[in-house]
Amino acid sequence: MSTIDPSRLLQMRSSILNQNQALQRAAGRGGIGGTEGGVEGAGGTPDFGAAINNALQQVNAQQTKASEITEAYERGDTHDIVSVMIERQKASLGFETTLQVRNKLLSAYRDIMNMPV
């Protein structure tokens, strides 16, 4: 068996970290400390709760927009049924996605709680 050279190991680690930073910059994340979606907690770490809250606010905004445009169509303020249906479908898709995410989170929580310690 061959011996492990610590300097070679550190050099490989440094190379991997440099490549990772380059890939993150290429993906538009900005390297170490960057977050996906722009939601950061204290210390620059991604905040799961804030990300979920942000997603729920976006779904709520889409629901409100769809409701407003539907009411405008019903009042006769607009005659563009296509935009009304598109907004309603966007709101429906966002809501269904939110439900599926919630179901997956609950399932994962149950699985974790049922794990033997």
PDB file of N, CA and C in Angstrom:
ATOM      1  N   MET A   1       0.832  -1.168   0.000  1.00  0.00           N
ATOM      2  CA  MET A   1       0.000   0.000   0.000  1.00  0.00           C
ATOM      3  C   MET A   1       0.886   1.244   0.000  1.00  0.00           C
ATOM      4  N   SER A   2       0.459   2.289  -0.737  1.00  0.00           N
ATOM      5  CA  SER A   2       1.250   3.515  -0.813  1.00  0.00           C
ATOM      6  C   SER A   2       0.882   4.464   0.331  1.00  0.00           C
ATOM      7  N   THR A   3       1.795   5.346   0.651  1.00  0.00           N
ATOM      8  CA  THR A   3       1.551   6.315   1.718  1.00  0.00           C
ATOM      9  C   THR A   3       0.849   7.546   1.153  1.00  0.00           C
ATOM     10  N   ILE A   4       0.127   8.228   2.006  1.00  0.00           N
ATOM     11  CA  ILE A   4      -0.604   9.430   1.607  1.00  0.00           C
ATOM     12  C   ILE A   4       0.254  10.641   1.903  1.00  0.00           C
ATOM     13  N   ASP A   5       0.465  11.446   0.897  1.00  0.00           N
ATOM     14  CA  ASP A   5       1.254  12.667   1.040  1.00  0.00           C
ATOM     15  C   ASP A   5       0.314  13.809   1.440  1.00  0.00           C
ATOM     16  N   PRO A   6       0.454  14.368   2.663  1.00  0.00           N
ATOM     17  CA  PRO A   6      -0.455  15.430   3.123  1.00  0.00           C
ATOM     18  C   PRO A   6      -0.431  16.675   2.233  1.00  0.00           C
ATOM     19  N   SER A   7       0.719  17.042   1.709  1.00  0.00           N
ATOM     20  CA  SER A   7       0.774  18.235   0.866  1.00  0.00           C
ATOM     21  C   SER A   7       0.011  18.014  -0.439  1.00  0.00           C
ATOM     22  N   ARG A   8       0.118  16.796  -0.990  1.00  0.00           N
ATOM     23  CA  ARG A   8      -0.617  16.467  -2.222  1.00  0.00           C
ATOM     24  C   ARG A   8      -2.115  16.467  -1.949  1.00  0.00           C
ATOM     25  N   LEU A   9      -2.539  15.975  -0.803  1.00  0.00           N
ATOM     26  CA  LEU A   9      -3.943  15.945  -0.429  1.00  0.00           C
ATOM     27  C   LEU A   9      -4.493  17.361  -0.278  1.00  0.00           C
ATOM     28  N   LEU A  10      -3.735  18.248   0.369  1.00  0.00           N
ATOM     29  CA  LEU A  10      -4.153  19.639   0.521  1.00  0.00           C
ATOM     30  C   LEU A  10      -4.205  20.352  -0.828  1.00  0.00           C
ATOM     31  N   GLN A  11      -3.294  20.010  -1.698  1.00  0.00           N
ATOM     32  CA  GLN A  11      -3.275  20.603  -3.028  1.00  0.00           C
ATOM     33  C   GLN A  11      -4.519  20.178  -3.828  1.00  0.00           C
ATOM     34  N   MET A  12      -4.884  18.919  -3.727  1.00  0.00           N
ATOM     35  CA  MET A  12      -6.081  18.425  -4.404  1.00  0.00           C
ATOM     36  C   MET A  12      -7.334  19.102  -3.847  1.00  0.00           C
ATOM     37  N   ARG A  13      -7.378  19.261  -2.527  1.00  0.00           N
ATOM     38  CA  ARG A  13      -8.517  19.922  -1.883  1.00  0.00           C
ATOM     39  C   ARG A  13      -8.648  21.353  -2.385  1.00  0.00           C
ATOM     40  N   SER A  14      -7.542  22.067  -2.436  1.00  0.00           N
ATOM     41  CA  SER A  14      -7.539  23.447  -2.908  1.00  0.00           C
ATOM     42  C   SER A  14      -8.010  23.526  -4.359  1.00  0.00           C
ATOM     43  N   SER A  15      -7.563  22.605  -5.167  1.00  0.00           N
ATOM     44  CA  SER A  15      -7.974  22.571  -6.564  1.00  0.00           C
ATOM     45  C   SER A  15      -9.475  22.341  -6.698  1.00  0.00           C
ATOM     46  N   ILE A  16     -10.002  21.439  -5.909  1.00  0.00           N
ATOM     47  CA  ILE A  16     -11.438  21.149  -5.950  1.00  0.00           C
ATOM     48  C   ILE A  16     -12.239  22.366  -5.509  1.00  0.00           C
ATOM     49  N   LEU A  17     -11.800  23.043  -4.446  1.00  0.00           N
ATOM     50  CA  LEU A  17     -12.500  24.237  -3.981  1.00  0.00           C
ATOM     51  C   LEU A  17     -12.475  25.348  -5.028  1.00  0.00           C
ATOM     52  N   ASN A  18     -11.339  25.512  -5.700  1.00  0.00           N
ATOM     53  CA  ASN A  18     -11.237  26.524  -6.754  1.00  0.00           C
ATOM     54  C   ASN A  18     -12.174  26.212  -7.915  1.00  0.00           C
ATOM     55  N   GLN A  19     -12.256  24.946  -8.294  1.00  0.00           N
ATOM     56  CA  GLN A  19     -13.161  24.554  -9.363  1.00  0.00           C
ATOM     57  C   GLN A  19     -14.619  24.763  -8.957  1.00  0.00           C
ATOM     58  N   ASN A  20     -14.944  24.474  -7.707  1.00  0.00           N
ATOM     59  CA  ASN A  20     -16.298  24.671  -7.209  1.00  0.00           C
ATOM     60  C   ASN A  20     -16.681  26.146  -7.258  1.00  0.00           C
ATOM     61  N   GLN A  21     -15.760  27.013  -6.831  1.00  0.00           N
ATOM     62  CA  GLN A  21     -16.031  28.453  -6.879  1.00  0.00           C
ATOM     63  C   GLN A  21     -16.226  28.929  -8.314  1.00  0.00           C
ATOM     64  N   ALA A  22     -15.422  28.414  -9.223  1.00  0.00           N
ATOM     65  CA  ALA A  22     -15.555  28.804 -10.627  1.00  0.00           C
ATOM     66  C   ALA A  22     -16.901  28.363 -11.187  1.00  0.00           C
ATOM     67  N   LEU A  23     -17.339  27.163 -10.839  1.00  0.00           N
ATOM     68  CA  LEU A  23     -18.639  26.677 -11.288  1.00  0.00           C
ATOM     69  C   LEU A  23     -19.781  27.502 -10.699  1.00  0.00           C
ATOM     70  N   GLN A  24     -19.669  27.886  -9.437  1.00  0.00           N
ATOM     71  CA  GLN A  24     -20.710  28.708  -8.820  1.00  0.00           C
ATOM     72  C   GLN A  24     -20.772  30.084  -9.467  1.00  0.00           C
ATOM     73  N   ARG A  25     -19.623  30.663  -9.767  1.00  0.00           N
ATOM     74  CA  ARG A  25     -19.608  31.962 -10.452  1.00  0.00           C
ATOM     75  C   ARG A  25     -20.236  31.826 -11.834  1.00  0.00           C
ATOM     76  N   ALA A  26     -19.935  30.735 -12.538  1.00  0.00           N
ATOM     77  CA  ALA A  26     -20.489  30.521 -13.866  1.00  0.00           C
ATOM     78  C   ALA A  26     -22.004  30.331 -13.803  1.00  0.00           C
ATOM     79  N   ALA A  27     -22.482  29.729 -12.708  1.00  0.00           N
ATOM     80  CA  ALA A  27     -23.919  29.524 -12.543  1.00  0.00           C
ATOM     81  C   ALA A  27     -24.612  30.774 -12.023  1.00  0.00           C
ATOM     82  N   GLY A  28     -23.839  31.801 -11.690  1.00  0.00           N
ATOM     83  CA  GLY A  28     -24.426  33.055 -11.242  1.00  0.00           C
ATOM     84  C   GLY A  28     -24.703  33.128  -9.765  1.00  0.00           C
ATOM     85  N   ARG A  29     -24.081  32.289  -8.978  1.00  0.00           N
ATOM     86  CA  ARG A  29     -24.324  32.280  -7.539  1.00  0.00           C
ATOM     87  C   ARG A  29     -23.308  33.085  -6.763  1.00  0.00           C
ATOM     88  N   GLY A  30     -22.222  33.462  -7.337  1.00  0.00           N
ATOM     89  CA  GLY A  30     -21.265  34.332  -6.678  1.00  0.00           C
ATOM     90  C   GLY A  30     -20.284  33.676  -5.746  1.00  0.00           C
ATOM     91  N   GLY A  31     -20.066  32.405  -5.820  1.00  0.00           N
ATOM     92  CA  GLY A  31     -19.024  31.764  -5.004  1.00  0.00           C
ATOM     93  C   GLY A  31     -19.472  31.468  -3.592  1.00  0.00           C
ATOM     94  N   ILE A  32     -18.518  31.376  -2.675  1.00  0.00           N
ATOM     95  CA  ILE A  32     -18.804  31.026  -1.288  1.00  0.00           C
ATOM     96  C   ILE A  32     -19.659  32.104  -0.663  1.00  0.00           C
ATOM     97  N   GLY A  33     -20.679  31.682   0.078  1.00  0.00           N
ATOM     98  CA  GLY A  33     -21.564  32.623   0.750  1.00  0.00           C
ATOM     99  C   GLY A  33     -22.750  33.012  -0.111  1.00  0.00           C
ATOM    100  N   GLY A  34     -22.745  32.669  -1.391  1.00  0.00           N
ATOM    101  CA  GLY A  34     -23.884  32.979  -2.245  1.00  0.00           C
ATOM    102  C   GLY A  34     -25.014  32.016  -1.953  1.00  0.00           C
ATOM    103  N   THR A  35     -26.225  32.482  -2.178  1.00  0.00           N
ATOM    104  CA  THR A  35     -27.373  31.638  -1.924  1.00  0.00           C
ATOM    105  C   THR A  35     -28.254  31.587  -3.140  1.00  0.00           C
ATOM    106  N   GLU A  36     -28.978  30.524  -3.251  1.00  0.00           N
ATOM    107  CA  GLU A  36     -29.901  30.353  -4.336  1.00  0.00           C
ATOM    108  C   GLU A  36     -31.193  31.049  -3.983  1.00  0.00           C
ATOM    109  N   GLY A  37     -31.713  31.865  -4.870  1.00  0.00           N
ATOM    110  CA  GLY A  37     -32.955  32.552  -4.623  1.00  0.00           C
ATOM    111  C   GLY A  37     -32.787  33.833  -3.830  1.00  0.00           C
ATOM    112  N   GLY A  38     -31.601  34.137  -3.350  1.00  0.00           N
ATOM    113  CA  GLY A  38     -31.358  35.383  -2.653  1.00  0.00           C
ATOM    114  C   GLY A  38     -31.919  35.440  -1.244  1.00  0.00           C
ATOM    115  N   VAL A  39     -32.239  34.322  -0.639  1.00  0.00           N
ATOM    116  CA  VAL A  39     -32.771  34.310   0.718  1.00  0.00           C
ATOM    117  C   VAL A  39     -31.660  33.906   1.659  1.00  0.00           C
ATOM    118  N   GLU A  40     -31.245  34.846   2.512  1.00  0.00           N
ATOM    119  CA  GLU A  40     -30.139  34.580   3.428  1.00  0.00           C
ATOM    120  C   GLU A  40     -30.581  34.823   4.851  1.00  0.00           C
ATOM    121  N   GLY A  41     -30.022  34.033   5.742  1.00  0.00           N
ATOM    122  CA  GLY A  41     -30.238  34.238   7.157  1.00  0.00           C
ATOM    123  C   GLY A  41     -29.044  34.964   7.747  1.00  0.00           C
ATOM    124  N   ALA A  42     -28.898  34.886   9.052  1.00  0.00           N
ATOM    125  CA  ALA A  42     -27.772  35.525   9.718  1.00  0.00           C
ATOM    126  C   ALA A  42     -26.476  34.850   9.297  1.00  0.00           C
ATOM    127  N   GLY A  43     -25.462  35.625   9.003  1.00  0.00           N
ATOM    128  CA  GLY A  43     -24.164  35.073   8.639  1.00  0.00           C
ATOM    129  C   GLY A  43     -24.063  34.642   7.190  1.00  0.00           C
ATOM    130  N   GLY A  44     -25.039  34.984   6.345  1.00  0.00           N
ATOM    131  CA  GLY A  44     -24.964  34.657   4.932  1.00  0.00           C
ATOM    132  C   GLY A  44     -25.339  33.226   4.595  1.00  0.00           C
ATOM    133  N   THR A  45     -25.912  32.489   5.537  1.00  0.00           N
ATOM    134  CA  THR A  45     -26.312  31.111   5.262  1.00  0.00           C
ATOM    135  C   THR A  45     -27.749  31.092   4.740  1.00  0.00           C
ATOM    136  N   PRO A  46     -28.078  30.147   3.866  1.00  0.00           N
ATOM    137  CA  PRO A  46     -29.447  30.060   3.360  1.00  0.00           C
ATOM    138  C   PRO A  46     -30.426  29.796   4.497  1.00  0.00           C
ATOM    139  N   ASP A  47     -31.568  30.461   4.457  1.00  0.00           N
ATOM    140  CA  ASP A  47     -32.582  30.322   5.498  1.00  0.00           C
ATOM    141  C   ASP A  47     -33.803  29.621   4.909  1.00  0.00           C
ATOM    142  N   PHE A  48     -34.042  28.375   5.325  1.00  0.00           N
ATOM    143  CA  PHE A  48     -35.130  27.572   4.784  1.00  0.00           C
ATOM    144  C   PHE A  48     -36.478  28.202   5.079  1.00  0.00           C
ATOM    145  N   GLY A  49     -36.667  28.678   6.296  1.00  0.00           N
ATOM    146  CA  GLY A  49     -37.942  29.290   6.672  1.00  0.00           C
ATOM    147  C   GLY A  49     -38.248  30.518   5.831  1.00  0.00           C
ATOM    148  N   ALA A  50     -37.240  31.340   5.590  1.00  0.00           N
ATOM    149  CA  ALA A  50     -37.438  32.538   4.774  1.00  0.00           C
ATOM    150  C   ALA A  50     -37.732  32.166   3.323  1.00  0.00           C
ATOM    151  N   ALA A  51     -37.104  31.114   2.826  1.00  0.00           N
ATOM    152  CA  ALA A  51     -37.354  30.673   1.457  1.00  0.00           C
ATOM    153  C   ALA A  51     -38.790  30.185   1.303  1.00  0.00           C
ATOM    154  N   ILE A  52     -39.269  29.412   2.269  1.00  0.00           N
ATOM    155  CA  ILE A  52     -40.651  28.933   2.234  1.00  0.00           C
ATOM    156  C   ILE A  52     -41.617  30.102   2.332  1.00  0.00           C
ATOM    157  N   ASN A  53     -41.328  31.039   3.245  1.00  0.00           N
ATOM    158  CA  ASN A  53     -42.185  32.212   3.407  1.00  0.00           C
ATOM    159  C   ASN A  53     -42.238  33.020   2.114  1.00  0.00           C
ATOM    160  N   ASN A  54     -41.094  33.204   1.468  1.00  0.00           N
ATOM    161  CA  ASN A  54     -41.034  33.933   0.208  1.00  0.00           C
ATOM    162  C   ASN A  54     -41.865  33.230  -0.865  1.00  0.00           C
ATOM    163  N   ALA A  55     -41.763  31.920  -0.955  1.00  0.00           N
ATOM    164  CA  ALA A  55     -42.521  31.159  -1.942  1.00  0.00           C
ATOM    165  C   ALA A  55     -44.020  31.275  -1.681  1.00  0.00           C
ATOM    166  N   LEU A  56     -44.425  31.205  -0.410  1.00  0.00           N
ATOM    167  CA  LEU A  56     -45.844  31.327  -0.075  1.00  0.00           C
ATOM    168  C   LEU A  56     -46.372  32.720  -0.411  1.00  0.00           C
ATOM    169  N   GLN A  57     -45.555  33.743  -0.189  1.00  0.00           N
ATOM    170  CA  GLN A  57     -45.972  35.105  -0.542  1.00  0.00           C
ATOM    171  C   GLN A  57     -46.144  35.250  -2.053  1.00  0.00           C
ATOM    172  N   GLN A  58     -45.272  34.615  -2.825  1.00  0.00           N
ATOM    173  CA  GLN A  58     -45.407  34.673  -4.282  1.00  0.00           C
ATOM    174  C   GLN A  58     -46.671  33.963  -4.750  1.00  0.00           C
ATOM    175  N   VAL A  59     -46.982  32.819  -4.149  1.00  0.00           N
ATOM    176  CA  VAL A  59     -48.206  32.097  -4.501  1.00  0.00           C
ATOM    177  C   VAL A  59     -49.422  32.936  -4.128  1.00  0.00           C
ATOM    178  N   ASN A  60     -49.384  33.564  -2.961  1.00  0.00           N
ATOM    179  CA  ASN A  60     -50.491  34.415  -2.534  1.00  0.00           C
ATOM    180  C   ASN A  60     -50.672  35.595  -3.488  1.00  0.00           C
ATOM    181  N   ALA A  61     -49.581  36.206  -3.909  1.00  0.00           N
ATOM    182  CA  ALA A  61     -49.663  37.329  -4.847  1.00  0.00           C
ATOM    183  C   ALA A  61     -50.270  36.882  -6.171  1.00  0.00           C
ATOM    184  N   GLN A  62     -49.888  35.692  -6.629  1.00  0.00           N
ATOM    185  CA  GLN A  62     -50.445  35.183  -7.883  1.00  0.00           C
ATOM    186  C   GLN A  62     -51.932  34.893  -7.735  1.00  0.00           C
ATOM    187  N   GLN A  63     -52.345  34.350  -6.590  1.00  0.00           N
ATOM    188  CA  GLN A  63     -53.765  34.098  -6.336  1.00  0.00           C
ATOM    189  C   GLN A  63     -54.551  35.412  -6.342  1.00  0.00           C
ATOM    190  N   THR A  64     -53.989  36.439  -5.701  1.00  0.00           N
ATOM    191  CA  THR A  64     -54.648  37.742  -5.643  1.00  0.00           C
ATOM    192  C   THR A  64     -54.770  38.353  -7.034  1.00  0.00           C
ATOM    193  N   LYS A  65     -53.711  38.252  -7.821  1.00  0.00           N
ATOM    194  CA  LYS A  65     -53.729  38.787  -9.183  1.00  0.00           C
ATOM    195  C   LYS A  65     -54.780  38.086 -10.031  1.00  0.00           C
ATOM    196  N   ALA A  66     -54.850  36.761  -9.910  1.00  0.00           N
ATOM    197  CA  ALA A  66     -55.840  35.999 -10.668  1.00  0.00           C
ATOM    198  C   ALA A  66     -57.260  36.375 -10.244  1.00  0.00           C
ATOM    199  N   SER A  67     -57.465  36.572  -8.955  1.00  0.00           N
ATOM    200  CA  SER A  67     -58.779  36.969  -8.459  1.00  0.00           C
ATOM    201  C   SER A  67     -59.171  38.351  -8.974  1.00  0.00           C
ATOM    202  N   GLU A  68     -58.215  39.285  -8.946  1.00  0.00           N
ATOM    203  CA  GLU A  68     -58.501  40.648  -9.415  1.00  0.00           C
ATOM    204  C   GLU A  68     -58.824  40.679 -10.904  1.00  0.00           C
ATOM    205  N   ILE A  69     -58.053  39.955 -11.712  1.00  0.00           N
ATOM    206  CA  ILE A  69     -58.301  39.971 -13.147  1.00  0.00           C
ATOM    207  C   ILE A  69     -59.607  39.247 -13.490  1.00  0.00           C
ATOM    208  N   THR A  70     -59.969  38.231 -12.703  1.00  0.00           N
ATOM    209  CA  THR A  70     -61.242  37.546 -12.903  1.00  0.00           C
ATOM    210  C   THR A  70     -62.403  38.481 -12.581  1.00  0.00           C
ATOM    211  N   GLU A  71     -62.290  39.208 -11.469  1.00  0.00           N
ATOM    212  CA  GLU A  71     -63.336  40.163 -11.102  1.00  0.00           C
ATOM    213  C   GLU A  71     -63.457  41.268 -12.150  1.00  0.00           C
ATOM    214  N   ALA A  72     -62.331  41.720 -12.690  1.00  0.00           N
ATOM    215  CA  ALA A  72     -62.364  42.753 -13.736  1.00  0.00           C
ATOM    216  C   ALA A  72     -63.084  42.230 -14.980  1.00  0.00           C
ATOM    217  N   TYR A  73     -62.859  40.971 -15.320  1.00  0.00           N
ATOM    218  CA  TYR A  73     -63.548  40.380 -16.470  1.00  0.00           C
ATOM    219  C   TYR A  73     -65.049  40.269 -16.195  1.00  0.00           C
ATOM    220  N   GLU A  74     -65.407  39.862 -14.983  1.00  0.00           N
ATOM    221  CA  GLU A  74     -66.823  39.730 -14.634  1.00  0.00           C
ATOM    222  C   GLU A  74     -67.536  41.082 -14.638  1.00  0.00           C
ATOM    223  N   ARG A  75     -66.838  42.155 -14.267  1.00  0.00           N
ATOM    224  CA  ARG A  75     -67.428  43.496 -14.293  1.00  0.00           C
ATOM    225  C   ARG A  75     -67.506  44.057 -15.707  1.00  0.00           C
ATOM    226  N   GLY A  76     -66.770  43.467 -16.631  1.00  0.00           N
ATOM    227  CA  GLY A  76     -66.756  43.954 -18.002  1.00  0.00           C
ATOM    228  C   GLY A  76     -65.658  44.955 -18.268  1.00  0.00           C
ATOM    229  N   ASP A  77     -64.716  45.118 -17.322  1.00  0.00           N
ATOM    230  CA  ASP A  77     -63.620  46.065 -17.501  1.00  0.00           C
ATOM    231  C   ASP A  77     -62.631  45.588 -18.558  1.00  0.00           C
ATOM    232  N   THR A  78     -62.546  44.296 -18.749  1.00  0.00           N
ATOM    233  CA  THR A  78     -61.651  43.734 -19.757  1.00  0.00           C
ATOM    234  C   THR A  78     -62.390  42.641 -20.521  1.00  0.00           C
ATOM    235  N   HIS A  79     -61.996  42.447 -21.770  1.00  0.00           N
ATOM    236  CA  HIS A  79     -62.633  41.420 -22.603  1.00  0.00           C
ATOM    237  C   HIS A  79     -61.639  40.345 -23.020  1.00  0.00           C
ATOM    238  N   ASP A  80     -60.462  40.339 -22.394  1.00  0.00           N
ATOM    239  CA  ASP A  80     -59.402  39.399 -22.765  1.00  0.00           C
ATOM    240  C   ASP A  80     -59.502  38.139 -21.907  1.00  0.00           C
ATOM    241  N   ILE A  81     -60.305  37.198 -22.355  1.00  0.00           N
ATOM    242  CA  ILE A  81     -60.523  35.956 -21.605  1.00  0.00           C
ATOM    243  C   ILE A  81     -59.256  35.112 -21.553  1.00  0.00           C
ATOM    244  N   VAL A  82     -58.399  35.242 -22.565  1.00  0.00           N
ATOM    245  CA  VAL A  82     -57.171  34.452 -22.599  1.00  0.00           C
ATOM    246  C   VAL A  82     -56.266  34.811 -21.429  1.00  0.00           C
ATOM    247  N   SER A  83     -56.066  36.100 -21.174  1.00  0.00           N
ATOM    248  CA  SER A  83     -55.210  36.511 -20.054  1.00  0.00           C
ATOM    249  C   SER A  83     -55.823  36.106 -18.722  1.00  0.00           C
ATOM    250  N   VAL A  84     -57.156  36.145 -18.635  1.00  0.00           N
ATOM    251  CA  VAL A  84     -57.826  35.713 -17.405  1.00  0.00           C
ATOM    252  C   VAL A  84     -57.553  34.233 -17.144  1.00  0.00           C
ATOM    253  N   MET A  85     -57.711  33.426 -18.170  1.00  0.00           N
ATOM    254  CA  MET A  85     -57.499  31.984 -18.006  1.00  0.00           C
ATOM    255  C   MET A  85     -56.038  31.656 -17.726  1.00  0.00           C
ATOM    256  N   ILE A  86     -55.125  32.392 -18.353  1.00  0.00           N
ATOM    257  CA  ILE A  86     -53.702  32.145 -18.099  1.00  0.00           C
ATOM    258  C   ILE A  86     -53.361  32.469 -16.653  1.00  0.00           C
ATOM    259  N   GLU A  87     -53.837  33.601 -16.146  1.00  0.00           N
ATOM    260  CA  GLU A  87     -53.571  33.970 -14.755  1.00  0.00           C
ATOM    261  C   GLU A  87     -54.189  32.973 -13.786  1.00  0.00           C
ATOM    262  N   ARG A  88     -55.390  32.496 -14.094  1.00  0.00           N
ATOM    263  CA  ARG A  88     -56.029  31.498 -13.224  1.00  0.00           C
ATOM    264  C   ARG A  88     -55.254  30.183 -13.228  1.00  0.00           C
ATOM    265  N   GLN A  89     -54.740  29.791 -14.394  1.00  0.00           N
ATOM    266  CA  GLN A  89     -53.949  28.566 -14.465  1.00  0.00           C
ATOM    267  C   GLN A  89     -52.627  28.705 -13.721  1.00  0.00           C
ATOM    268  N   LYS A  90     -51.998  29.884 -13.818  1.00  0.00           N
ATOM    269  CA  LYS A  90     -50.771  30.130 -13.063  1.00  0.00           C
ATOM    270  C   LYS A  90     -51.039  30.019 -11.565  1.00  0.00           C
ATOM    271  N   ALA A  91     -52.143  30.616 -11.120  1.00  0.00           N
ATOM    272  CA  ALA A  91     -52.492  30.565  -9.698  1.00  0.00           C
ATOM    273  C   ALA A  91     -52.782  29.129  -9.267  1.00  0.00           C
ATOM    274  N   SER A  92     -53.484  28.401 -10.112  1.00  0.00           N
ATOM    275  CA  SER A  92     -53.801  27.003  -9.804  1.00  0.00           C
ATOM    276  C   SER A  92     -52.539  26.151  -9.727  1.00  0.00           C
ATOM    277  N   LEU A  93     -51.636  26.348 -10.660  1.00  0.00           N
ATOM    278  CA  LEU A  93     -50.388  25.589 -10.674  1.00  0.00           C
ATOM    279  C   LEU A  93     -49.543  25.900  -9.442  1.00  0.00           C
ATOM    280  N   GLY A  94     -49.467  27.176  -9.076  1.00  0.00           N
ATOM    281  CA  GLY A  94     -48.722  27.559  -7.870  1.00  0.00           C
ATOM    282  C   GLY A  94     -49.313  26.941  -6.621  1.00  0.00           C
ATOM    283  N   PHE A  95     -50.645  26.932  -6.539  1.00  0.00           N
ATOM    284  CA  PHE A  95     -51.311  26.351  -5.378  1.00  0.00           C
ATOM    285  C   PHE A  95     -51.088  24.847  -5.303  1.00  0.00           C
ATOM    286  N   GLU A  96     -51.218  24.166  -6.434  1.00  0.00           N
ATOM    287  CA  GLU A  96     -50.995  22.713  -6.460  1.00  0.00           C
ATOM    288  C   GLU A  96     -49.553  22.371  -6.093  1.00  0.00           C
ATOM    289  N   THR A  97     -48.611  23.162  -6.580  1.00  0.00           N
ATOM    290  CA  THR A  97     -47.208  22.944  -6.242  1.00  0.00           C
ATOM    291  C   THR A  97     -46.979  23.121  -4.749  1.00  0.00           C
ATOM    292  N   THR A  98     -47.598  24.158  -4.179  1.00  0.00           N
ATOM    293  CA  THR A  98     -47.485  24.399  -2.742  1.00  0.00           C
ATOM    294  C   THR A  98     -48.043  23.221  -1.948  1.00  0.00           C
ATOM    295  N   LEU A  99     -49.159  22.696  -2.379  1.00  0.00           N
ATOM    296  CA  LEU A  99     -49.734  21.529  -1.694  1.00  0.00           C
ATOM    297  C   LEU A  99     -48.813  20.315  -1.769  1.00  0.00           C
ATOM    298  N   GLN A 100     -48.213  20.085  -2.930  1.00  0.00           N
ATOM    299  CA  GLN A 100     -47.316  18.941  -3.077  1.00  0.00           C
ATOM    300  C   GLN A 100     -46.066  19.092  -2.219  1.00  0.00           C
ATOM    301  N   VAL A 101     -45.526  20.314  -2.147  1.00  0.00           N
ATOM    302  CA  VAL A 101     -44.364  20.555  -1.295  1.00  0.00           C
ATOM    303  C   VAL A 101     -44.730  20.320   0.161  1.00  0.00           C
ATOM    304  N   ARG A 102     -45.901  20.822   0.567  1.00  0.00           N
ATOM    305  CA  ARG A 102     -46.356  20.612   1.939  1.00  0.00           C
ATOM    306  C   ARG A 102     -46.496  19.123   2.242  1.00  0.00           C
ATOM    307  N   ASN A 103     -47.089  18.378   1.316  1.00  0.00           N
ATOM    308  CA  ASN A 103     -47.260  16.940   1.526  1.00  0.00           C
ATOM    309  C   ASN A 103     -45.917  16.222   1.651  1.00  0.00           C
ATOM    310  N   LYS A 104     -44.953  16.609   0.827  1.00  0.00           N
ATOM    311  CA  LYS A 104     -43.627  15.987   0.901  1.00  0.00           C
ATOM    312  C   LYS A 104     -42.934  16.330   2.218  1.00  0.00           C
ATOM    313  N   LEU A 105     -43.076  17.575   2.665  1.00  0.00           N
ATOM    314  CA  LEU A 105     -42.468  17.968   3.937  1.00  0.00           C
ATOM    315  C   LEU A 105     -43.088  17.205   5.100  1.00  0.00           C
ATOM    316  N   LEU A 106     -44.408  17.062   5.079  1.00  0.00           N
ATOM    317  CA  LEU A 106     -45.072  16.301   6.147  1.00  0.00           C
ATOM    318  C   LEU A 106     -44.658  14.835   6.124  1.00  0.00           C
ATOM    319  N   SER A 107     -44.536  14.287   4.928  1.00  0.00           N
ATOM    320  CA  SER A 107     -44.103  12.896   4.807  1.00  0.00           C
ATOM    321  C   SER A 107     -42.681  12.717   5.345  1.00  0.00           C
ATOM    322  N   ALA A 108     -41.802  13.644   5.006  1.00  0.00           N
ATOM    323  CA  ALA A 108     -40.425  13.570   5.507  1.00  0.00           C
ATOM    324  C   ALA A 108     -40.392  13.720   7.023  1.00  0.00           C
ATOM    325  N   TYR A 109     -41.209  14.616   7.549  1.00  0.00           N
ATOM    326  CA  TYR A 109     -41.270  14.810   9.003  1.00  0.00           C
ATOM    327  C   TYR A 109     -41.732  13.522   9.691  1.00  0.00           C
ATOM    328  N   ARG A 110     -42.767  12.899   9.138  1.00  0.00           N
ATOM    329  CA  ARG A 110     -43.258  11.632   9.724  1.00  0.00           C
ATOM    330  C   ARG A 110     -42.200  10.535   9.659  1.00  0.00           C
ATOM    331  N   ASP A 111     -41.508  10.468   8.530  1.00  0.00           N
ATOM    332  CA  ASP A 111     -40.445   9.465   8.402  1.00  0.00           C
ATOM    333  C   ASP A 111     -39.353   9.674   9.430  1.00  0.00           C
ATOM    334  N   ILE A 112     -38.977  10.922   9.642  1.00  0.00           N
ATOM    335  CA  ILE A 112     -37.931  11.222  10.628  1.00  0.00           C
ATOM    336  C   ILE A 112     -38.415  10.909  12.040  1.00  0.00           C
ATOM    337  N   MET A 113     -39.649  11.250  12.338  1.00  0.00           N
ATOM    338  CA  MET A 113     -40.178  11.004  13.688  1.00  0.00           C
ATOM    339  C   MET A 113     -40.347   9.510  13.962  1.00  0.00           C
ATOM    340  N   ASN A 114     -40.550   8.712  12.932  1.00  0.00           N
ATOM    341  CA  ASN A 114     -40.721   7.276  13.125  1.00  0.00           C
ATOM    342  C   ASN A 114     -39.422   6.492  13.093  1.00  0.00           C
ATOM    343  N   MET A 115     -38.296   7.182  12.902  1.00  0.00           N
ATOM    344  CA  MET A 115     -37.002   6.493  12.882  1.00  0.00           C
ATOM    345  C   MET A 115     -36.650   6.026  14.281  1.00  0.00           C
ATOM    346  N   PRO A 116     -36.148   4.803  14.385  1.00  0.00           N
ATOM    347  CA  PRO A 116     -35.696   4.360  15.696  1.00  0.00           C
ATOM    348  C   PRO A 116     -34.413   5.088  16.101  1.00  0.00           C
ATOM    349  N   VAL A 117     -34.334   5.371  17.378  1.00  0.00           N
ATOM    350  CA  VAL A 117     -33.178   6.134  17.877  1.00  0.00           C
ATOM    351  C   VAL A 117     -32.091   5.204  18.359  1.00  0.00           C
TER     352      VAL A 117
END
